[in-house]
Amino acid sequence: RNLRTWCRMGDFLLKAGLHQEAAAVFRDAIDTFPDSTWLHFKLGKVHGLMGDGGAAAMQVQFLNGTNQALAAQLARRLTVEKGTRGY
């Protein structure tokens, strides 16, 4: 599978509300493409949607070392989601 296929599969599962399954796809994709900042962003987003702030923060931390713009974007998204969930 190529990177685009992994992303589409994960995005499809995410849109279907299957967060656990989407996270699994993005984790598997990261095993194949460990340096893909986009996959780390997507995995962090899914963890945020699932309310797993610790796992999401790990993805922000990875991105801080590789792509600070994506790290900032993910951190902002997680802050907004956290505020709308009331925690």
PDB file of N, CA and C in Angstrom:
ATOM      1  N   ARG A   1       0.839  -1.184   0.000  1.00  0.00           N
ATOM      2  CA  ARG A   1       0.000   0.000   0.000  1.00  0.00           C
ATOM      3  C   ARG A   1       0.883   1.246   0.000  1.00  0.00           C
ATOM      4  N   ASN A   2       0.358   2.268  -0.640  1.00  0.00           N
ATOM      5  CA  ASN A   2       1.108   3.511  -0.621  1.00  0.00           C
ATOM      6  C   ASN A   2       0.512   4.458   0.416  1.00  0.00           C
ATOM      7  N   LEU A   3       1.187   5.548   0.643  1.00  0.00           N
ATOM      8  CA  LEU A   3       0.793   6.503   1.667  1.00  0.00           C
ATOM      9  C   LEU A   3      -0.619   7.044   1.420  1.00  0.00           C
ATOM     10  N   ARG A   4      -0.923   7.353   0.196  1.00  0.00           N
ATOM     11  CA  ARG A   4      -2.244   7.905  -0.134  1.00  0.00           C
ATOM     12  C   ARG A   4      -3.360   6.909   0.212  1.00  0.00           C
ATOM     13  N   THR A   5      -3.127   5.633  -0.074  1.00  0.00           N
ATOM     14  CA  THR A   5      -4.124   4.607   0.234  1.00  0.00           C
ATOM     15  C   THR A   5      -4.368   4.519   1.732  1.00  0.00           C
ATOM     16  N   TRP A   6      -3.301   4.510   2.508  1.00  0.00           N
ATOM     17  CA  TRP A   6      -3.440   4.468   3.967  1.00  0.00           C
ATOM     18  C   TRP A   6      -4.255   5.663   4.463  1.00  0.00           C
ATOM     19  N   CYS A   7      -3.912   6.853   3.956  1.00  0.00           N
ATOM     20  CA  CYS A   7      -4.619   8.062   4.396  1.00  0.00           C
ATOM     21  C   CYS A   7      -6.099   7.997   4.050  1.00  0.00           C
ATOM     22  N   ARG A   8      -6.410   7.566   2.861  1.00  0.00           N
ATOM     23  CA  ARG A   8      -7.822   7.482   2.448  1.00  0.00           C
ATOM     24  C   ARG A   8      -8.592   6.484   3.301  1.00  0.00           C
ATOM     25  N   MET A   9      -7.967   5.331   3.578  1.00  0.00           N
ATOM     26  CA  MET A   9      -8.642   4.338   4.424  1.00  0.00           C
ATOM     27  C   MET A   9      -8.919   4.906   5.809  1.00  0.00           C
ATOM     28  N   GLY A  10      -7.903   5.515   6.406  1.00  0.00           N
ATOM     29  CA  GLY A  10      -8.073   6.098   7.737  1.00  0.00           C
ATOM     30  C   GLY A  10      -9.106   7.208   7.742  1.00  0.00           C
ATOM     31  N   ASP A  11      -9.061   8.070   6.733  1.00  0.00           N
ATOM     32  CA  ASP A  11     -10.033   9.169   6.646  1.00  0.00           C
ATOM     33  C   ASP A  11     -11.455   8.640   6.491  1.00  0.00           C
ATOM     34  N   PHE A  12     -11.616   7.603   5.682  1.00  0.00           N
ATOM     35  CA  PHE A  12     -12.943   6.997   5.489  1.00  0.00           C
ATOM     36  C   PHE A  12     -13.474   6.463   6.816  1.00  0.00           C
ATOM     37  N   LEU A  13     -12.646   5.745   7.551  1.00  0.00           N
ATOM     38  CA  LEU A  13     -13.065   5.200   8.844  1.00  0.00           C
ATOM     39  C   LEU A  13     -13.379   6.317   9.830  1.00  0.00           C
ATOM     40  N   LEU A  14     -12.587   7.376   9.803  1.00  0.00           N
ATOM     41  CA  LEU A  14     -12.816   8.508  10.688  1.00  0.00           C
ATOM     42  C   LEU A  14     -14.162   9.171  10.391  1.00  0.00           C
ATOM     43  N   LYS A  15     -14.451   9.384   9.104  1.00  0.00           N
ATOM     44  CA  LYS A  15     -15.730   9.989   8.718  1.00  0.00           C
ATOM     45  C   LYS A  15     -16.909   9.098   9.090  1.00  0.00           C
ATOM     46  N   ALA A  16     -16.681   7.801   9.117  1.00  0.00           N
ATOM     47  CA  ALA A  16     -17.737   6.856   9.500  1.00  0.00           C
ATOM     48  C   ALA A  16     -17.899   6.774  11.015  1.00  0.00           C
ATOM     49  N   GLY A  17     -17.065   7.514  11.755  1.00  0.00           N
ATOM     50  CA  GLY A  17     -17.148   7.499  13.209  1.00  0.00           C
ATOM     51  C   GLY A  17     -16.453   6.321  13.857  1.00  0.00           C
ATOM     52  N   LEU A  18     -15.650   5.611  13.083  1.00  0.00           N
ATOM     53  CA  LEU A  18     -14.925   4.438  13.591  1.00  0.00           C
ATOM     54  C   LEU A  18     -13.517   4.867  14.018  1.00  0.00           C
ATOM     55  N   HIS A  19     -13.454   5.564  15.141  1.00  0.00           N
ATOM     56  CA  HIS A  19     -12.199   6.165  15.589  1.00  0.00           C
ATOM     57  C   HIS A  19     -11.120   5.141  15.922  1.00  0.00           C
ATOM     58  N   GLN A  20     -11.491   4.088  16.620  1.00  0.00           N
ATOM     59  CA  GLN A  20     -10.504   3.054  16.976  1.00  0.00           C
ATOM     60  C   GLN A  20      -9.891   2.446  15.722  1.00  0.00           C
ATOM     61  N   GLU A  21     -10.739   2.160  14.756  1.00  0.00           N
ATOM     62  CA  GLU A  21     -10.282   1.541  13.514  1.00  0.00           C
ATOM     63  C   GLU A  21      -9.405   2.505  12.717  1.00  0.00           C
ATOM     64  N   ALA A  22      -9.790   3.781  12.690  1.00  0.00           N
ATOM     65  CA  ALA A  22      -8.979   4.791  11.994  1.00  0.00           C
ATOM     66  C   ALA A  22      -7.612   4.910  12.649  1.00  0.00           C
ATOM     67  N   ALA A  23      -7.585   4.933  13.976  1.00  0.00           N
ATOM     68  CA  ALA A  23      -6.307   5.019  14.693  1.00  0.00           C
ATOM     69  C   ALA A  23      -5.424   3.822  14.357  1.00  0.00           C
ATOM     70  N   ALA A  24      -6.025   2.637  14.285  1.00  0.00           N
ATOM     71  CA  ALA A  24      -5.258   1.433  13.954  1.00  0.00           C
ATOM     72  C   ALA A  24      -4.659   1.537  12.553  1.00  0.00           C
ATOM     73  N   VAL A  25      -5.429   2.062  11.599  1.00  0.00           N
ATOM     74  CA  VAL A  25      -4.922   2.225  10.235  1.00  0.00           C
ATOM     75  C   VAL A  25      -3.759   3.202  10.226  1.00  0.00           C
ATOM     76  N   PHE A  26      -3.908   4.336  10.921  1.00  0.00           N
ATOM     77  CA  PHE A  26      -2.828   5.328  10.933  1.00  0.00           C
ATOM     78  C   PHE A  26      -1.595   4.787  11.652  1.00  0.00           C
ATOM     79  N   ARG A  27      -1.770   3.998  12.723  1.00  0.00           N
ATOM     80  CA  ARG A  27      -0.613   3.388  13.399  1.00  0.00           C
ATOM     81  C   ARG A  27       0.091   2.403  12.467  1.00  0.00           C
ATOM     82  N   ASP A  28      -0.681   1.583  11.763  1.00  0.00           N
ATOM     83  CA  ASP A  28      -0.080   0.643  10.806  1.00  0.00           C
ATOM     84  C   ASP A  28       0.665   1.393   9.704  1.00  0.00           C
ATOM     85  N   ALA A  29       0.080   2.484   9.239  1.00  0.00           N
ATOM     86  CA  ALA A  29       0.724   3.276   8.195  1.00  0.00           C
ATOM     87  C   ALA A  29       2.025   3.881   8.704  1.00  0.00           C
ATOM     88  N   ILE A  30       2.041   4.317   9.954  1.00  0.00           N
ATOM     89  CA  ILE A  30       3.261   4.884  10.538  1.00  0.00           C
ATOM     90  C   ILE A  30       4.345   3.825  10.638  1.00  0.00           C
ATOM     91  N   ASP A  31       3.956   2.574  10.862  1.00  0.00           N
ATOM     92  CA  ASP A  31       4.952   1.495  10.860  1.00  0.00           C
ATOM     93  C   ASP A  31       5.637   1.397   9.504  1.00  0.00           C
ATOM     94  N   THR A  32       4.885   1.658   8.431  1.00  0.00           N
ATOM     95  CA  THR A  32       5.431   1.586   7.079  1.00  0.00           C
ATOM     96  C   THR A  32       6.122   2.889   6.676  1.00  0.00           C
ATOM     97  N   PHE A  33       5.564   4.011   7.102  1.00  0.00           N
ATOM     98  CA  PHE A  33       6.084   5.343   6.756  1.00  0.00           C
ATOM     99  C   PHE A  33       6.335   6.135   8.040  1.00  0.00           C
ATOM    100  N   PRO A  34       7.350   5.758   8.830  1.00  0.00           N
ATOM    101  CA  PRO A  34       7.534   6.367  10.152  1.00  0.00           C
ATOM    102  C   PRO A  34       7.848   7.863  10.131  1.00  0.00           C
ATOM    103  N   ASP A  35       8.337   8.378   9.032  1.00  0.00           N
ATOM    104  CA  ASP A  35       8.709   9.788   8.968  1.00  0.00           C
ATOM    105  C   ASP A  35       7.610  10.679   8.392  1.00  0.00           C
ATOM    106  N   SER A  36       6.449  10.108   8.096  1.00  0.00           N
ATOM    107  CA  SER A  36       5.362  10.890   7.509  1.00  0.00           C
ATOM    108  C   SER A  36       4.732  11.794   8.564  1.00  0.00           C
ATOM    109  N   THR A  37       4.997  13.078   8.454  1.00  0.00           N
ATOM    110  CA  THR A  37       4.416  14.017   9.413  1.00  0.00           C
ATOM    111  C   THR A  37       2.898  14.061   9.278  1.00  0.00           C
ATOM    112  N   TRP A  38       2.401  13.891   8.063  1.00  0.00           N
ATOM    113  CA  TRP A  38       0.961  13.923   7.840  1.00  0.00           C
ATOM    114  C   TRP A  38       0.270  12.785   8.584  1.00  0.00           C
ATOM    115  N   LEU A  39       0.856  11.585   8.588  1.00  0.00           N
ATOM    116  CA  LEU A  39       0.264  10.461   9.322  1.00  0.00           C
ATOM    117  C   LEU A  39       0.267  10.718  10.823  1.00  0.00           C
ATOM    118  N   HIS A  40       1.340  11.294  11.323  1.00  0.00           N
ATOM    119  CA  HIS A  40       1.405  11.615  12.752  1.00  0.00           C
ATOM    120  C   HIS A  40       0.345  12.659  13.106  1.00  0.00           C
ATOM    121  N   PHE A  41       0.141  13.626  12.219  1.00  0.00           N
ATOM    122  CA  PHE A  41      -0.903  14.623  12.426  1.00  0.00           C
ATOM    123  C   PHE A  41      -2.269  13.949  12.496  1.00  0.00           C
ATOM    124  N   LYS A  42      -2.553  13.079  11.531  1.00  0.00           N
ATOM    125  CA  LYS A  42      -3.848  12.405  11.475  1.00  0.00           C
ATOM    126  C   LYS A  42      -4.066  11.523  12.708  1.00  0.00           C
ATOM    127  N   LEU A  43      -3.024  10.816  13.132  1.00  0.00           N
ATOM    128  CA  LEU A  43      -3.159   9.973  14.322  1.00  0.00           C
ATOM    129  C   LEU A  43      -3.411  10.832  15.553  1.00  0.00           C
ATOM    130  N   GLY A  44      -2.718  11.945  15.674  1.00  0.00           N
ATOM    131  CA  GLY A  44      -2.948  12.848  16.797  1.00  0.00           C
ATOM    132  C   GLY A  44      -4.368  13.383  16.806  1.00  0.00           C
ATOM    133  N   LYS A  45      -4.871  13.707  15.625  1.00  0.00           N
ATOM    134  CA  LYS A  45      -6.248  14.194  15.492  1.00  0.00           C
ATOM    135  C   LYS A  45      -7.241  13.131  15.973  1.00  0.00           C
ATOM    136  N   VAL A  46      -7.045  11.898  15.557  1.00  0.00           N
ATOM    137  CA  VAL A  46      -7.942  10.811  15.969  1.00  0.00           C
ATOM    138  C   VAL A  46      -7.886  10.617  17.480  1.00  0.00           C
ATOM    139  N   HIS A  47      -6.677  10.627  18.035  1.00  0.00           N
ATOM    140  CA  HIS A  47      -6.565  10.470  19.487  1.00  0.00           C
ATOM    141  C   HIS A  47      -7.288  11.605  20.210  1.00  0.00           C
ATOM    142  N   GLY A  48      -7.194  12.814  19.667  1.00  0.00           N
ATOM    143  CA  GLY A  48      -7.910  13.932  20.254  1.00  0.00           C
ATOM    144  C   GLY A  48      -9.413  13.721  20.222  1.00  0.00           C
ATOM    145  N   LEU A  49      -9.908  13.228  19.094  1.00  0.00           N
ATOM    146  CA  LEU A  49     -11.346  12.965  18.974  1.00  0.00           C
ATOM    147  C   LEU A  49     -11.804  11.882  19.941  1.00  0.00           C
ATOM    148  N   MET A  50     -10.908  10.939  20.245  1.00  0.00           N
ATOM    149  CA  MET A  50     -11.251   9.863  21.177  1.00  0.00           C
ATOM    150  C   MET A  50     -11.081  10.299  22.627  1.00  0.00           C
ATOM    151  N   GLY A  51     -10.547  11.515  22.838  1.00  0.00           N
ATOM    152  CA  GLY A  51     -10.347  12.000  24.198  1.00  0.00           C
ATOM    153  C   GLY A  51      -9.081  11.505  24.851  1.00  0.00           C
ATOM    154  N   ASP A  52      -8.157  10.982  24.068  1.00  0.00           N
ATOM    155  CA  ASP A  52      -6.890  10.474  24.591  1.00  0.00           C
ATOM    156  C   ASP A  52      -5.821  11.554  24.429  1.00  0.00           C
ATOM    157  N   GLY A  53      -5.844  12.508  25.353  1.00  0.00           N
ATOM    158  CA  GLY A  53      -4.929  13.647  25.279  1.00  0.00           C
ATOM    159  C   GLY A  53      -3.466  13.262  25.354  1.00  0.00           C
ATOM    160  N   GLY A  54      -3.146  12.241  26.122  1.00  0.00           N
ATOM    161  CA  GLY A  54      -1.754  11.815  26.250  1.00  0.00           C
ATOM    162  C   GLY A  54      -1.191  11.301  24.935  1.00  0.00           C
ATOM    163  N   ALA A  55      -1.959  10.448  24.258  1.00  0.00           N
ATOM    164  CA  ALA A  55      -1.509   9.910  22.969  1.00  0.00           C
ATOM    165  C   ALA A  55      -1.458  11.015  21.920  1.00  0.00           C
ATOM    166  N   ALA A  56      -2.408  11.936  21.963  1.00  0.00           N
ATOM    167  CA  ALA A  56      -2.400  13.052  21.020  1.00  0.00           C
ATOM    168  C   ALA A  56      -1.184  13.937  21.259  1.00  0.00           C
ATOM    169  N   ALA A  57      -0.862  14.177  22.524  1.00  0.00           N
ATOM    170  CA  ALA A  57       0.299  15.002  22.867  1.00  0.00           C
ATOM    171  C   ALA A  57       1.598  14.372  22.375  1.00  0.00           C
ATOM    172  N   MET A  58       1.661  13.048  22.364  1.00  0.00           N
ATOM    173  CA  MET A  58       2.860  12.371  21.843  1.00  0.00           C
ATOM    174  C   MET A  58       3.050  12.686  20.362  1.00  0.00           C
ATOM    175  N   GLN A  59       1.955  12.788  19.630  1.00  0.00           N
ATOM    176  CA  GLN A  59       2.058  13.109  18.203  1.00  0.00           C
ATOM    177  C   GLN A  59       2.471  14.569  18.018  1.00  0.00           C
ATOM    178  N   VAL A  60       1.971  15.457  18.878  1.00  0.00           N
ATOM    179  CA  VAL A  60       2.396  16.859  18.824  1.00  0.00           C
ATOM    180  C   VAL A  60       3.893  16.938  19.099  1.00  0.00           C
ATOM    181  N   GLN A  61       4.347  16.182  20.084  1.00  0.00           N
ATOM    182  CA  GLN A  61       5.768  16.180  20.439  1.00  0.00           C
ATOM    183  C   GLN A  61       6.615  15.692  19.264  1.00  0.00           C
ATOM    184  N   PHE A  62       6.187  14.619  18.596  1.00  0.00           N
ATOM    185  CA  PHE A  62       6.915  14.141  17.418  1.00  0.00           C
ATOM    186  C   PHE A  62       6.973  15.242  16.361  1.00  0.00           C
ATOM    187  N   LEU A  63       5.830  15.864  16.105  1.00  0.00           N
ATOM    188  CA  LEU A  63       5.767  16.891  15.065  1.00  0.00           C
ATOM    189  C   LEU A  63       6.610  18.111  15.411  1.00  0.00           C
ATOM    190  N   ASN A  64       6.730  18.425  16.698  1.00  0.00           N
ATOM    191  CA  ASN A  64       7.578  19.559  17.096  1.00  0.00           C
ATOM    192  C   ASN A  64       9.010  19.383  16.629  1.00  0.00           C
ATOM    193  N   GLY A  65       9.449  18.134  16.566  1.00  0.00           N
ATOM    194  CA  GLY A  65      10.813  17.860  16.128  1.00  0.00           C
ATOM    195  C   GLY A  65      10.974  17.776  14.622  1.00  0.00           C
ATOM    196  N   THR A  66       9.864  17.712  13.888  1.00  0.00           N
ATOM    197  CA  THR A  66       9.968  17.508  12.447  1.00  0.00           C
ATOM    198  C   THR A  66       9.246  18.557  11.617  1.00  0.00           C
ATOM    199  N   ASN A  67       8.107  19.035  12.095  1.00  0.00           N
ATOM    200  CA  ASN A  67       7.314  20.002  11.330  1.00  0.00           C
ATOM    201  C   ASN A  67       6.539  20.862  12.327  1.00  0.00           C
ATOM    202  N   GLN A  68       7.141  21.978  12.709  1.00  0.00           N
ATOM    203  CA  GLN A  68       6.539  22.803  13.759  1.00  0.00           C
ATOM    204  C   GLN A  68       5.210  23.415  13.345  1.00  0.00           C
ATOM    205  N   ALA A  69       5.026  23.668  12.062  1.00  0.00           N
ATOM    206  CA  ALA A  69       3.752  24.230  11.606  1.00  0.00           C
ATOM    207  C   ALA A  69       2.615  23.224  11.825  1.00  0.00           C
ATOM    208  N   LEU A  70       2.855  21.956  11.467  1.00  0.00           N
ATOM    209  CA  LEU A  70       1.827  20.932  11.705  1.00  0.00           C
ATOM    210  C   LEU A  70       1.627  20.692  13.198  1.00  0.00           C
ATOM    211  N   ALA A  71       2.710  20.762  13.973  1.00  0.00           N
ATOM    212  CA  ALA A  71       2.601  20.593  15.422  1.00  0.00           C
ATOM    213  C   ALA A  71       1.702  21.675  16.005  1.00  0.00           C
ATOM    214  N   ALA A  72       1.897  22.915  15.581  1.00  0.00           N
ATOM    215  CA  ALA A  72       1.085  24.020  16.085  1.00  0.00           C
ATOM    216  C   ALA A  72      -0.374  23.857  15.656  1.00  0.00           C
ATOM    217  N   GLN A  73      -0.578  23.423  14.424  1.00  0.00           N
ATOM    218  CA  GLN A  73      -1.947  23.221  13.919  1.00  0.00           C
ATOM    219  C   GLN A  73      -2.656  22.130  14.719  1.00  0.00           C
ATOM    220  N   LEU A  74      -1.955  21.031  14.989  1.00  0.00           N
ATOM    221  CA  LEU A  74      -2.558  19.945  15.762  1.00  0.00           C
ATOM    222  C   LEU A  74      -2.827  20.395  17.191  1.00  0.00           C
ATOM    223  N   ALA A  75      -1.889  21.106  17.796  1.00  0.00           N
ATOM    224  CA  ALA A  75      -2.075  21.581  19.169  1.00  0.00           C
ATOM    225  C   ALA A  75      -3.281  22.511  19.258  1.00  0.00           C
ATOM    226  N   ARG A  76      -3.450  23.399  18.269  1.00  0.00           N
ATOM    227  CA  ARG A  76      -4.622  24.288  18.258  1.00  0.00           C
ATOM    228  C   ARG A  76      -5.912  23.475  18.134  1.00  0.00           C
ATOM    229  N   ARG A  77      -5.911  22.508  17.241  1.00  0.00           N
ATOM    230  CA  ARG A  77      -7.097  21.670  17.039  1.00  0.00           C
ATOM    231  C   ARG A  77      -7.445  20.924  18.326  1.00  0.00           C
ATOM    232  N   LEU A  78      -6.448  20.389  19.001  1.00  0.00           N
ATOM    233  CA  LEU A  78      -6.690  19.643  20.233  1.00  0.00           C
ATOM    234  C   LEU A  78      -7.209  20.556  21.330  1.00  0.00           C
ATOM    235  N   THR A  79      -6.725  21.789  21.373  1.00  0.00           N
ATOM    236  CA  THR A  79      -7.195  22.743  22.373  1.00  0.00           C
ATOM    237  C   THR A  79      -8.658  23.079  22.141  1.00  0.00           C
ATOM    238  N   VAL A  80      -9.041  23.279  20.888  1.00  0.00           N
ATOM    239  CA  VAL A  80     -10.440  23.579  20.562  1.00  0.00           C
ATOM    240  C   VAL A  80     -11.320  22.386  20.909  1.00  0.00           C
ATOM    241  N   GLU A  81     -10.905  21.179  20.530  1.00  0.00           N
ATOM    242  CA  GLU A  81     -11.703  19.985  20.827  1.00  0.00           C
ATOM    243  C   GLU A  81     -11.837  19.772  22.319  1.00  0.00           C
ATOM    244  N   LYS A  82     -10.757  20.030  23.059  1.00  0.00           N
ATOM    245  CA  LYS A  82     -10.797  19.872  24.507  1.00  0.00           C
ATOM    246  C   LYS A  82     -11.800  20.843  25.098  1.00  0.00           C
ATOM    247  N   GLY A  83     -11.822  22.059  24.607  1.00  0.00           N
ATOM    248  CA  GLY A  83     -12.751  23.060  25.110  1.00  0.00           C
ATOM    249  C   GLY A  83     -14.200  22.718  24.802  1.00  0.00           C
ATOM    250  N   THR A  84     -14.454  22.108  23.654  1.00  0.00           N
ATOM    251  CA  THR A  84     -15.832  21.776  23.308  1.00  0.00           C
ATOM    252  C   THR A  84     -16.315  20.537  24.037  1.00  0.00           C
ATOM    253  N   ARG A  85     -15.395  19.737  24.529  1.00  0.00           N
ATOM    254  CA  ARG A  85     -15.782  18.534  25.278  1.00  0.00           C
ATOM    255  C   ARG A  85     -15.952  18.830  26.773  1.00  0.00           C
ATOM    256  N   GLY A  86     -15.475  20.004  27.193  1.00  0.00           N
ATOM    257  CA  GLY A  86     -15.645  20.391  28.595  1.00  0.00           C
ATOM    258  C   GLY A  86     -14.659  19.748  29.548  1.00  0.00           C
ATOM    259  N   TYR A  87     -13.509  19.343  29.051  1.00  0.00           N
ATOM    260  CA  TYR A  87     -12.501  18.795  29.970  1.00  0.00           C
ATOM    261  C   TYR A  87     -11.213  19.531  29.810  1.00  0.00           C
TER     262      TYR A  87
END
